N, C-alpha and C. Protein backbone atom coordinates (compact mmCIF):
# COMPACT_ATOMS: atom_id res chain seq x y z
N UNK A 1 -29.87 -11.90 11.75
CA UNK A 1 -28.92 -11.79 10.44
C UNK A 1 -28.12 -13.31 9.86
N UNK A 2 -28.03 -13.37 8.90
CA UNK A 2 -27.78 -14.59 7.86
C UNK A 2 -26.53 -14.29 7.73
N UNK A 3 -25.26 -15.37 7.71
CA UNK A 3 -24.01 -14.90 6.99
C UNK A 3 -24.19 -15.39 5.52
N UNK A 4 -23.50 -14.28 4.73
CA UNK A 4 -23.63 -14.44 3.29
C UNK A 4 -22.99 -15.66 2.78
N UNK A 5 -23.31 -16.28 1.80
CA UNK A 5 -22.33 -17.35 1.28
C UNK A 5 -21.68 -16.61 0.02
N UNK A 6 -20.43 -17.12 -0.27
CA UNK A 6 -19.48 -16.53 -1.18
C UNK A 6 -19.92 -16.27 -2.60
N UNK A 7 -21.09 -17.26 -2.93
CA UNK A 7 -21.49 -16.71 -4.33
C UNK A 7 -22.79 -15.54 -4.01
N UNK A 8 -23.16 -14.99 -2.78
CA UNK A 8 -23.94 -14.07 -2.44
C UNK A 8 -23.38 -12.66 -2.30
N UNK A 9 -21.60 -12.79 -2.61
CA UNK A 9 -21.06 -11.58 -1.98
C UNK A 9 -20.81 -11.03 -3.69
N UNK A 10 -21.42 -11.35 -4.67
CA UNK A 10 -21.01 -10.44 -6.08
C UNK A 10 -19.73 -9.84 -6.38
N UNK A 11 -18.49 -10.81 -6.01
CA UNK A 11 -17.29 -10.23 -6.31
C UNK A 11 -17.07 -9.89 -7.77
N UNK A 12 -16.14 -9.33 -8.34
CA UNK A 12 -15.84 -9.05 -9.52
C UNK A 12 -14.73 -10.51 -9.95
N UNK A 13 -14.69 -10.73 -10.98
CA UNK A 13 -13.52 -11.64 -11.27
C UNK A 13 -11.98 -10.84 -11.59
N UNK A 14 -11.04 -11.80 -11.42
CA UNK A 14 -9.85 -11.27 -11.58
C UNK A 14 -9.64 -10.42 -12.82
N UNK A 15 -10.30 -10.78 -14.17
CA UNK A 15 -10.36 -10.35 -15.36
C UNK A 15 -10.76 -8.89 -15.36
N UNK A 16 -11.85 -8.99 -14.40
CA UNK A 16 -12.63 -7.62 -14.50
C UNK A 16 -12.19 -6.58 -13.35
N UNK A 17 -11.32 -7.14 -12.48
CA UNK A 17 -10.80 -6.28 -11.72
C UNK A 17 -9.79 -5.29 -12.28
N UNK A 18 -8.80 -5.99 -13.59
CA UNK A 18 -7.99 -5.40 -14.14
C UNK A 18 -8.67 -4.12 -14.97
N UNK A 19 -9.93 -4.10 -15.19
CA UNK A 19 -10.43 -3.26 -15.94
C UNK A 19 -11.15 -2.13 -15.23
N UNK A 20 -11.51 -2.63 -14.12
CA UNK A 20 -12.30 -1.65 -12.90
C UNK A 20 -11.31 -0.45 -12.60
N UNK A 21 -12.16 0.64 -12.55
CA UNK A 21 -11.18 2.12 -12.19
C UNK A 21 -10.56 1.95 -10.82
N UNK A 22 -9.65 2.28 -10.88
CA UNK A 22 -8.79 2.06 -9.60
C UNK A 22 -8.98 3.33 -8.69
N UNK A 23 -8.49 3.58 -7.30
CA UNK A 23 -8.22 4.71 -6.57
C UNK A 23 -6.41 5.14 -7.34
N UNK A 24 -6.50 6.18 -7.02
CA UNK A 24 -5.11 6.89 -7.78
C UNK A 24 -4.20 6.84 -6.71
N UNK A 25 -3.57 5.62 -6.29
CA UNK A 25 -2.68 4.83 -5.19
C UNK A 25 -1.79 3.98 -5.75
N UNK A 26 -0.59 4.15 -5.50
CA UNK A 26 0.18 2.93 -5.56
C UNK A 26 1.05 2.88 -4.19
N UNK A 27 1.14 1.56 -3.90
CA UNK A 27 1.82 1.18 -2.41
C UNK A 27 3.24 0.51 -2.98
N UNK A 28 4.04 1.21 -2.27
CA UNK A 28 5.40 1.02 -2.56
C UNK A 28 6.02 0.11 -1.19
N UNK A 29 6.52 -1.13 -1.40
CA UNK A 29 7.25 -1.88 -0.45
C UNK A 29 8.62 -1.73 -0.44
N UNK A 30 9.14 -1.05 0.73
CA UNK A 30 10.66 -0.60 0.94
C UNK A 30 11.13 -1.74 1.64
N UNK A 31 11.79 -2.95 0.86
CA UNK A 31 12.27 -4.14 1.58
C UNK A 31 11.77 -4.61 2.73
N UNK A 32 10.51 -5.25 2.49
CA UNK A 32 9.60 -5.95 3.15
C UNK A 32 10.19 -7.22 3.19
N UNK A 33 10.46 -7.69 4.30
CA UNK A 33 11.60 -9.13 4.68
C UNK A 33 10.14 -10.55 4.83
N UNK A 34 8.69 -9.86 5.25
CA UNK A 34 8.01 -11.38 5.40
C UNK A 34 7.23 -11.30 4.28
N UNK A 35 7.01 -12.75 3.80
CA UNK A 35 6.35 -13.03 2.64
C UNK A 35 4.53 -12.64 2.81
N UNK A 36 4.46 -13.18 4.18
CA UNK A 36 3.06 -12.99 4.63
C UNK A 36 2.44 -11.65 4.54
N UNK A 37 3.45 -10.61 4.94
CA UNK A 37 3.01 -9.24 4.92
C UNK A 37 2.79 -8.59 3.48
N UNK A 38 3.76 -9.02 2.73
CA UNK A 38 3.58 -8.70 1.01
C UNK A 38 2.35 -9.16 0.80
N UNK A 39 1.97 -10.38 1.25
CA UNK A 39 0.78 -11.20 0.46
C UNK A 39 -0.56 -10.63 1.15
N UNK A 40 -0.55 -10.05 2.06
CA UNK A 40 -1.55 -9.14 2.89
C UNK A 40 -1.62 -7.89 1.98
N UNK A 41 -0.80 -7.31 1.86
CA UNK A 41 -0.75 -5.86 1.12
C UNK A 41 -1.48 -6.53 -0.18
N UNK A 42 -1.15 -7.31 -0.92
CA UNK A 42 -1.76 -7.37 -2.10
C UNK A 42 -3.21 -7.96 -1.83
N UNK A 43 -3.71 -8.52 -0.87
CA UNK A 43 -4.89 -8.70 -0.59
C UNK A 43 -5.68 -7.80 -0.40
N UNK A 44 -5.42 -6.64 0.54
CA UNK A 44 -6.14 -5.37 1.02
C UNK A 44 -5.93 -4.36 -0.29
N UNK A 45 -4.90 -4.58 -0.84
CA UNK A 45 -4.83 -3.47 -2.17
C UNK A 45 -5.99 -4.01 -3.19
N UNK A 46 -6.24 -5.45 -3.47
CA UNK A 46 -7.29 -5.96 -4.45
C UNK A 46 -8.83 -5.45 -3.53
N UNK A 47 -9.19 -5.75 -2.32
CA UNK A 47 -9.98 -4.89 -1.78
C UNK A 47 -10.63 -3.65 -1.71
N UNK A 48 -9.27 -2.91 -1.87
CA UNK A 48 -9.75 -1.59 -1.92
C UNK A 48 -9.16 -0.83 -3.17
N UNK A 49 -9.19 -1.59 -4.09
CA UNK A 49 -8.57 -1.13 -5.84
C UNK A 49 -7.65 0.02 -5.88
N UNK A 50 -6.48 -0.93 -5.50
CA UNK A 50 -5.36 0.04 -5.53
C UNK A 50 -4.76 -0.08 -7.04
N UNK A 51 -4.23 1.06 -7.33
CA UNK A 51 -3.39 0.84 -8.84
C UNK A 51 -2.74 -0.25 -9.09
N UNK A 52 -1.51 -0.18 -7.96
CA UNK A 52 -0.60 -1.16 -8.11
C UNK A 52 0.54 -1.03 -6.72
N UNK A 53 1.30 -2.06 -6.96
CA UNK A 53 2.25 -2.44 -5.94
C UNK A 53 3.80 -2.33 -6.31
N UNK A 54 4.53 -1.60 -5.93
CA UNK A 54 5.74 -1.67 -6.36
C UNK A 54 6.66 -2.39 -5.28
N UNK A 55 7.32 -3.36 -5.36
CA UNK A 55 8.25 -4.23 -4.91
C UNK A 55 9.32 -3.51 -4.80
N UNK A 56 10.24 -3.41 -3.75
CA UNK A 56 11.40 -2.67 -3.91
C UNK A 56 12.65 -3.76 -2.77
N UNK A 57 13.73 -3.90 -3.49
CA UNK A 57 14.90 -4.08 -2.43
C UNK A 57 14.68 -5.60 -2.53
N UNK A 58 14.91 -6.14 -1.19
CA UNK A 58 14.52 -7.76 -0.54
C UNK A 58 13.29 -8.21 -0.93
N UNK A 59 12.21 -7.17 -1.04
CA UNK A 59 10.65 -7.66 -0.99
C UNK A 59 10.65 -8.65 -1.94
N UNK A 60 10.06 -10.12 -1.63
CA UNK A 60 9.82 -10.93 -2.56
C UNK A 60 8.67 -10.50 -3.41
N UNK A 61 9.01 -11.35 -4.83
CA UNK A 61 7.88 -10.95 -5.85
C UNK A 61 7.11 -12.35 -6.20
N UNK A 62 5.86 -11.95 -6.67
CA UNK A 62 5.17 -13.19 -7.32
C UNK A 62 6.05 -13.85 -8.44
N UNK A 63 5.66 -15.08 -8.81
CA UNK A 63 4.75 -16.23 -8.16
C UNK A 63 5.51 -16.52 -6.85
N UNK A 64 5.11 -16.72 -5.82
CA UNK A 64 5.62 -17.37 -4.75
C UNK A 64 4.31 -17.84 -3.66
N UNK A 65 4.60 -19.26 -3.21
CA UNK A 65 3.63 -20.00 -2.57
C UNK A 65 3.35 -18.91 -1.20
N UNK A 66 4.63 -18.75 -0.61
CA UNK A 66 4.24 -17.97 0.85
C UNK A 66 3.77 -16.68 0.49
N UNK A 67 3.75 -15.90 -0.66
CA UNK A 67 3.09 -14.49 -0.85
C UNK A 67 1.51 -15.15 -1.09
N UNK A 68 1.31 -16.25 -1.92
CA UNK A 68 0.21 -16.69 -1.96
C UNK A 68 -0.85 -17.02 -1.12
N UNK A 69 -0.09 -17.64 0.07
CA UNK A 69 -0.92 -18.04 1.32
C UNK A 69 -2.02 -16.94 1.89
N UNK A 70 -1.20 -15.59 1.99
CA UNK A 70 -2.24 -14.50 2.31
C UNK A 70 -2.47 -13.72 1.70
N UNK A 71 -2.44 -13.63 0.45
CA UNK A 71 -2.97 -13.11 -1.11
C UNK A 71 -3.85 -13.63 -1.41
N UNK A 72 -3.91 -15.08 -1.42
CA UNK A 72 -5.25 -15.63 -1.72
C UNK A 72 -5.46 -15.51 -3.12
N UNK A 73 -4.76 -15.06 -4.12
CA UNK A 73 -4.81 -15.10 -5.46
C UNK A 73 -4.65 -13.72 -5.83
N UNK A 74 -4.78 -12.79 -4.99
CA UNK A 74 -4.50 -11.04 -5.25
C UNK A 74 -3.51 -10.98 -5.95
N UNK A 75 -2.59 -11.97 -5.86
CA UNK A 75 -1.11 -11.09 -6.69
C UNK A 75 -1.23 -11.39 -7.99
N UNK A 76 -2.53 -11.90 -8.53
CA UNK A 76 -2.83 -12.14 -10.00
C UNK A 76 -3.81 -10.91 -10.34
N UNK A 77 -4.61 -10.43 -9.53
CA UNK A 77 -5.46 -9.31 -9.78
C UNK A 77 -4.74 -8.07 -9.74
N UNK A 78 -3.75 -7.69 -8.73
CA UNK A 78 -3.00 -6.36 -8.58
C UNK A 78 -1.79 -6.32 -9.40
N UNK A 79 -1.82 -5.27 -10.28
CA UNK A 79 -0.66 -4.87 -10.88
C UNK A 79 0.50 -4.71 -10.02
N UNK A 80 1.81 -5.42 -10.31
CA UNK A 80 2.94 -4.99 -9.47
C UNK A 80 3.98 -4.89 -10.49
N UNK A 81 5.10 -4.28 -9.74
CA UNK A 81 6.48 -3.97 -10.54
C UNK A 81 7.64 -4.11 -9.39
N UNK A 82 8.52 -4.71 -9.93
CA UNK A 82 9.85 -4.75 -9.14
C UNK A 82 10.90 -3.59 -9.31
N UNK A 83 11.55 -3.01 -8.43
CA UNK A 83 12.47 -2.15 -8.46
C UNK A 83 13.77 -2.59 -7.32
N UNK A 84 15.04 -2.41 -7.78
CA UNK A 84 15.81 -2.87 -6.88
C UNK A 84 15.98 -1.96 -5.98
N UNK A 85 15.92 -0.71 -6.19
CA UNK A 85 16.11 0.39 -5.38
C UNK A 85 14.70 1.17 -5.03
N UNK A 86 14.39 1.37 -3.94
CA UNK A 86 13.07 2.35 -3.67
C UNK A 86 13.26 3.64 -3.99
N UNK A 87 14.28 4.04 -3.91
CA UNK A 87 14.48 5.27 -4.48
C UNK A 87 14.16 5.68 -6.28
N UNK A 88 14.37 4.79 -6.79
CA UNK A 88 14.17 4.78 -8.15
C UNK A 88 12.74 4.66 -8.46
N UNK A 89 12.07 3.74 -7.72
CA UNK A 89 10.49 3.80 -7.83
C UNK A 89 9.84 5.13 -7.18
N UNK A 90 10.34 5.72 -6.25
CA UNK A 90 9.93 6.90 -5.81
C UNK A 90 10.21 8.07 -6.83
N UNK A 91 11.38 8.15 -7.29
CA UNK A 91 11.53 9.23 -8.49
C UNK A 91 10.81 9.12 -9.42
N UNK A 92 10.68 7.82 -10.28
CA UNK A 92 9.80 7.47 -11.19
C UNK A 92 8.35 7.77 -11.14
N UNK A 93 7.96 7.85 -9.91
CA UNK A 93 6.63 8.02 -9.78
C UNK A 93 6.37 9.71 -9.58
N UNK A 94 7.34 10.01 -8.94
CA UNK A 94 7.25 11.66 -8.84
C UNK A 94 7.22 12.04 -10.32
N UNK A 95 7.98 11.64 -10.96
CA UNK A 95 8.17 12.49 -12.43
C UNK A 95 6.86 11.99 -13.34
N UNK A 96 6.02 11.14 -13.06
CA UNK A 96 4.75 10.94 -13.56
C UNK A 96 3.53 11.70 -12.67
N UNK A 97 3.98 12.49 -11.70
CA UNK A 97 3.25 13.24 -11.18
C UNK A 97 2.30 12.83 -9.86
N UNK A 98 2.83 11.75 -9.37
CA UNK A 98 2.55 11.24 -8.11
C UNK A 98 2.99 12.11 -6.94
N UNK A 99 2.02 12.65 -5.85
CA UNK A 99 2.60 13.02 -4.76
C UNK A 99 2.79 11.90 -3.63
N UNK A 100 3.95 11.63 -3.39
CA UNK A 100 4.64 10.51 -2.47
C UNK A 100 4.78 10.46 -1.13
N UNK A 101 4.27 9.67 -0.47
CA UNK A 101 4.46 9.95 1.49
C UNK A 101 4.95 8.77 1.98
N UNK A 102 6.17 9.10 2.55
CA UNK A 102 6.53 7.73 3.35
C UNK A 102 5.41 7.80 4.54
N UNK A 103 5.30 6.48 5.02
CA UNK A 103 4.64 6.20 6.33
C UNK A 103 5.57 5.96 7.28
N UNK A 104 5.97 7.04 8.14
CA UNK A 104 6.90 6.93 9.39
C UNK A 104 6.77 7.86 10.11
N UNK A 105 7.20 7.88 11.36
CA UNK A 105 7.22 8.82 12.45
C UNK A 105 8.54 9.48 12.37
N UNK A 106 8.16 10.86 11.82
CA UNK A 106 9.35 12.02 11.89
C UNK A 106 8.76 13.13 12.49
N UNK A 107 9.63 13.90 12.66
CA UNK A 107 9.57 15.42 12.83
C UNK A 107 8.54 16.12 11.83
N UNK A 108 7.30 16.86 12.48
CA UNK A 108 6.41 17.21 11.61
C UNK A 108 5.82 16.47 10.43
N UNK A 109 5.49 15.40 10.88
CA UNK A 109 4.54 14.15 10.05
C UNK A 109 3.16 14.97 9.88
N UNK A 110 2.35 14.51 9.23
CA UNK A 110 0.82 14.70 9.04
C UNK A 110 0.25 13.58 9.72
N UNK A 111 -0.65 13.65 10.76
CA UNK A 111 -1.26 12.73 11.51
C UNK A 111 -2.55 12.25 10.31
N UNK A 112 -2.35 10.88 10.00
CA UNK A 112 -3.59 10.18 9.25
C UNK A 112 -4.61 10.84 9.33
N UNK A 113 -5.08 11.05 10.66
CA UNK A 113 -6.40 11.47 11.02
C UNK A 113 -6.70 12.96 10.44
N UNK A 114 -5.35 13.76 10.15
CA UNK A 114 -5.48 14.95 9.97
C UNK A 114 -5.43 15.27 8.27
N UNK A 115 -5.19 14.04 7.61
CA UNK A 115 -4.77 14.31 5.97
C UNK A 115 -5.93 14.69 5.10
N UNK A 116 -5.77 15.40 4.34
CA UNK A 116 -7.11 15.86 3.33
C UNK A 116 -6.32 15.95 1.92
N UNK A 117 -6.91 14.67 1.33
CA UNK A 117 -6.14 14.55 0.09
C UNK A 117 -7.06 15.03 -1.04
N UNK A 118 -6.52 15.46 -2.41
CA UNK A 118 -7.27 16.10 -3.32
C UNK A 118 -7.35 15.01 -4.39
N UNK A 119 -8.81 14.95 -4.89
CA UNK A 119 -9.28 14.00 -5.76
C UNK A 119 -8.66 13.94 -7.13
N UNK A 120 -8.17 14.97 -7.11
CA UNK A 120 -7.41 14.88 -8.89
C UNK A 120 -6.25 14.77 -8.62
N UNK A 121 -5.41 14.55 -7.59
CA UNK A 121 -4.13 14.29 -7.30
C UNK A 121 -3.76 12.68 -7.35
N UNK A 122 -2.81 12.00 -7.85
CA UNK A 122 -2.17 10.65 -7.92
C UNK A 122 -1.24 10.59 -6.62
N UNK A 123 -1.59 9.43 -5.96
CA UNK A 123 -0.84 9.32 -4.77
C UNK A 123 0.07 8.06 -4.54
N UNK A 124 1.38 8.09 -3.71
CA UNK A 124 1.88 6.62 -3.57
C UNK A 124 2.25 6.81 -2.26
N UNK A 125 2.20 5.42 -1.43
CA UNK A 125 2.59 5.60 0.04
C UNK A 125 3.90 4.55 -0.02
N UNK A 126 5.09 5.01 0.63
CA UNK A 126 6.21 4.07 1.14
C UNK A 126 5.87 3.47 2.61
N UNK A 127 5.84 2.08 2.35
CA UNK A 127 5.89 1.20 3.58
C UNK A 127 7.20 1.02 4.07
N UNK A 128 7.74 0.99 5.18
CA UNK A 128 9.16 0.46 5.46
C UNK A 128 9.17 -0.85 5.94
N UNK A 129 10.37 -1.44 5.98
CA UNK A 129 10.66 -2.67 6.59
C UNK A 129 10.59 -2.88 7.87
N UNK A 130 10.10 -4.01 8.37
CA UNK A 130 9.20 -4.51 9.40
C UNK A 130 10.25 -4.02 10.54
N UNK A 131 11.88 -4.01 10.66
CA UNK A 131 12.69 -3.83 11.63
C UNK A 131 13.04 -1.97 11.86
N UNK A 132 13.56 -1.56 10.44
CA UNK A 132 14.29 -0.56 10.47
C UNK A 132 13.03 0.65 9.98
N UNK A 133 12.07 0.38 9.16
CA UNK A 133 11.09 1.32 8.58
C UNK A 133 11.76 1.89 7.33
N UNK A 134 11.29 3.06 7.03
CA UNK A 134 11.38 3.64 5.63
C UNK A 134 12.81 4.09 5.72
N UNK A 135 13.63 3.82 4.65
CA UNK A 135 15.15 4.43 4.77
C UNK A 135 15.05 5.87 4.87
N UNK A 136 16.06 6.44 5.35
CA UNK A 136 16.26 7.99 5.55
C UNK A 136 16.20 8.51 3.95
N UNK A 137 17.26 7.91 3.11
CA UNK A 137 16.95 8.70 1.98
C UNK A 137 15.78 8.56 1.09
N UNK A 138 15.05 7.72 1.55
CA UNK A 138 13.84 7.71 0.98
C UNK A 138 13.25 8.81 1.29
N UNK A 139 12.96 8.51 2.69
CA UNK A 139 12.11 9.91 3.29
C UNK A 139 12.59 11.25 2.51
N UNK A 140 13.84 11.22 2.46
CA UNK A 140 14.50 12.74 2.16
C UNK A 140 13.60 13.13 1.03
N UNK A 141 13.49 11.93 0.04
CA UNK A 141 13.26 12.32 -1.31
C UNK A 141 11.73 12.79 -1.54
N UNK A 142 10.70 12.11 -0.31
CA UNK A 142 9.05 12.02 -0.30
C UNK A 142 8.84 13.41 -0.36
N UNK A 143 7.52 13.68 -0.94
CA UNK A 143 6.87 14.77 -0.86
C UNK A 143 6.24 15.20 0.72
N UNK A 144 6.33 14.15 1.63
CA UNK A 144 5.92 14.22 3.09
C UNK A 144 5.60 13.05 3.69
N UNK A 145 5.75 13.06 5.09
CA UNK A 145 5.36 11.93 5.65
C UNK A 145 3.82 11.78 6.73
N UNK A 146 3.43 10.38 6.79
CA UNK A 146 2.26 10.19 7.18
C UNK A 146 2.53 9.73 8.55
N UNK A 147 1.75 9.62 9.72
CA UNK A 147 2.15 9.11 10.56
C UNK A 147 0.63 8.36 11.26
N UNK A 148 0.35 7.33 11.84
CA UNK A 148 -1.05 7.06 12.35
C UNK A 148 -0.68 7.20 13.88
N UNK A 149 -1.93 7.99 14.22
CA UNK A 149 -1.80 8.27 15.95
C UNK A 149 -1.80 6.91 16.53
N UNK A 150 -0.98 6.69 18.06
CA UNK A 150 -1.26 5.63 18.49
C UNK A 150 -1.13 5.98 20.09
N UNK A 151 -1.90 5.17 20.71
CA UNK A 151 -1.71 5.94 22.04
C UNK A 151 -1.65 4.53 23.11
N UNK A 152 -1.35 3.44 22.71
CA UNK A 152 -0.81 2.38 23.81
C UNK A 152 0.71 2.39 23.86
N UNK A 153 1.42 1.38 24.60
CA UNK A 153 2.43 1.60 24.85
C UNK A 153 3.56 1.01 23.94
N UNK A 154 2.93 0.64 22.52
CA UNK A 154 4.10 0.02 21.54
C UNK A 154 4.25 1.32 20.58
N UNK A 155 5.27 1.66 20.21
CA UNK A 155 5.44 2.91 19.40
C UNK A 155 5.43 2.21 17.67
N UNK A 156 4.86 1.12 17.60
CA UNK A 156 4.77 0.84 16.04
C UNK A 156 3.81 -0.29 15.75
N UNK A 157 3.03 0.01 14.58
CA UNK A 157 2.30 -1.50 14.24
C UNK A 157 2.99 -2.21 13.19
N UNK A 158 2.54 -3.32 13.10
CA UNK A 158 2.71 -4.30 11.99
C UNK A 158 2.70 -3.74 10.51
N UNK A 159 3.74 -3.77 9.82
CA UNK A 159 3.24 -2.98 8.57
C UNK A 159 2.37 -3.57 7.44
N UNK A 160 1.59 -4.94 7.46
CA UNK A 160 0.48 -5.07 6.63
C UNK A 160 -0.88 -4.31 7.44
N UNK A 161 -0.81 -4.32 8.84
CA UNK A 161 -1.67 -3.68 9.48
C UNK A 161 -1.61 -2.08 9.18
N UNK A 162 -0.47 -1.53 9.13
CA UNK A 162 -0.29 -0.13 8.89
C UNK A 162 -0.65 0.14 7.57
N UNK A 163 -0.16 -0.53 6.69
CA UNK A 163 -0.76 -0.28 5.22
C UNK A 163 -2.50 -0.55 4.95
N UNK A 164 -3.13 -1.42 5.79
CA UNK A 164 -4.40 -1.81 5.64
C UNK A 164 -5.12 -0.52 6.12
N UNK A 165 -4.74 0.12 7.11
CA UNK A 165 -5.41 1.17 7.78
C UNK A 165 -5.19 2.48 6.92
N UNK A 166 -3.89 3.10 6.22
CA UNK A 166 -3.73 3.79 5.63
C UNK A 166 -4.45 3.65 4.22
N UNK A 167 -4.46 2.67 3.59
CA UNK A 167 -5.22 2.48 2.47
C UNK A 167 -6.64 2.51 2.54
N UNK A 168 -7.21 2.21 3.53
CA UNK A 168 -8.68 2.41 3.59
C UNK A 168 -8.84 3.82 3.94
N UNK A 169 -8.15 4.65 4.69
CA UNK A 169 -8.08 6.42 4.71
C UNK A 169 -8.31 6.62 3.16
N UNK A 170 -7.15 6.36 2.39
CA UNK A 170 -7.03 7.18 1.08
C UNK A 170 -8.16 6.49 0.07
N UNK A 171 -8.72 5.20 0.57
CA UNK A 171 -9.89 4.72 -0.38
C UNK A 171 -11.09 5.79 0.13
N UNK A 172 -11.53 6.14 1.54
CA UNK A 172 -12.29 6.57 1.78
C UNK A 172 -12.33 8.20 1.03
N UNK A 173 -11.10 8.38 1.11
CA UNK A 173 -11.21 10.11 0.63
C UNK A 173 -11.06 10.00 -1.15
N UNK A 174 -10.47 8.99 -1.73
CA UNK A 174 -10.31 8.97 -3.38
C UNK A 174 -11.59 8.23 -3.94
N UNK A 175 -12.25 7.38 -3.52
CA UNK A 175 -13.02 6.23 -4.27
C UNK A 175 -14.08 7.25 -4.75
N UNK A 176 -14.36 7.17 -5.85
CA UNK A 176 -15.37 7.81 -6.59
C UNK A 176 -16.08 6.72 -7.64
N UNK A 177 -17.67 6.67 -7.23
CA UNK A 177 -18.16 5.79 -8.16
C UNK A 177 -18.52 6.36 -9.61
């Protein structure tokens, strides 16, 4: 096996990305404090054709050098929008017909490995603060909650890792060529 060169990867340009068909998924970041986590979510969203990122509350927005460190330019290709309140972002998307899931450990959550998506539905996922998770008032208005099964001694994952796992699962179910 020979490692591929960047020129052999046949990646699309940021301009082509803007017009490429996306999966019907918006990622909502609920008060994410780490700019590295935000940048990582941009980069993952670019990789898997996420429609947009909604940055809420204390979540920083581009342009920002610290976001750029991990986004590596994805902050220029992925559409984003800022909301002062996460609840407003969720309500706005629900009014547009999106089914909104909080990614959180709650009673009666749907385990990610049991999630079945409808390819004709639009979705959004709310990712919570690194310490406090998704705000309870936001959970209260979501259409449901998704939980990633975990089997070790820790009860949570880094928000950027969690977002990547969930986006990948949505991509596998929603991506049509």
